[in-house]
Each structure stands twice: as structure tokens, then as C-alpha cells.
């Protein structure tokens, strides 16, 4: 493997920001398919791939999402071209015979609620991070958030299914003129050790 060009590092990490204000420019279904076709290759435990995504684009779907949002997240979410509901399938293990065919990985999870919960949360979160990197890689901006009522989202979008909401991520073309100054990050010595 080779190191990515500086411009790619800037697009994915160094210049990438969390956006709250969006240009009125649609995100095509083809872009969303391209985004998924990139993120799906990110690693998960036993290739379990528990993340499921609802891309909320249409007016009716946005109205269904609106009462689930914390007050501070309503305006930015309603104005975003797309809001991804990053969810987890609590029956992800049923897909393991396809996804991890060289071992009986289904038996590692079936009937074990603690293992199911741990894997679903961890690996759908990983896949959600891949979603954001894939979005940035194809030229979209992201606005991830946790300020919403998960129970309401589950009732509105996932009733009668094995899916549960993890987090939301607005997607589109952010207005960089409306960004707050970048918040500081911990330096290496504050966050890391080498042993």
C-alpha cells in the first residue's frame, strides 16, 4: 500500500468538518449507492456487517423524522439534502452463513443477547464511521449527531423489525462559510502511549 496524496488526506481528515448548514443542492440516489459500495468493504468482526441505513430524503420521510429530533437539531436536519439513519440489525448473525462462510459464526451470537448487543453496537458504529469517510471521499459533507430520541426513531422507521437506531448523519454539500472555528484536539501525548 502507498500513502494517500496530501489532497486526499485533507479531504478525508485535515480539512473535513462537521457541517450544520447546507447548500440547496440535491444528493442523487446514485451518489448514495456509490457511498455504500465504498463503505461496505470496511472491516467488521467476523465480517458481520450489522449496519443498516435508511437514507431519509423525501418530504414525507423528513416529516416522520422531525418529531424524533432534539430541538437544536431540527433546522439543520430538515435543511440537509439527506439524513442517514445509521442503524444496527439485532439479527445480523442470520447473515453470517453468507458473510463468514468458513466458520459457524452464527452460533457465536444466536441466543446470546450480550454478544449480539456488543457486536451490533461496536460494528455498526465502525460502519457508520466508514460511511462518513466514504461520503467525504465522494465529495459529500457530513453532520453526524446523537441528539435524537432513539425510541421514537425505532417506532417511526423500524417497528416490527430487528433494526435499532445507532446515530444520525446529515449528508450533503455544506456551507463552509457558516462553520464555527475548529475545536481543538488532544495531541499524541495526551491520547496515546507506545509500549
Foldseek 3Di string as FASTA:
>chain_A
DDDDDPVLCCLQPVVADAFQAADQDADDPVLVVQLCVQLLPDDAVLSLPFKDKDKQADPVSLVLQQVFFDPVRNPSQVRFRIKIQTKGQLQSLVCSCVRNVVDSCSVVRVPPNVVSVVRRQVRSVVSVSSSQSSLSSVPKGKHKDAGGHFVSCCVSPPPPGRMTTRTMMGIHHHDPVPDDPDDDDDDCVVPHDDD
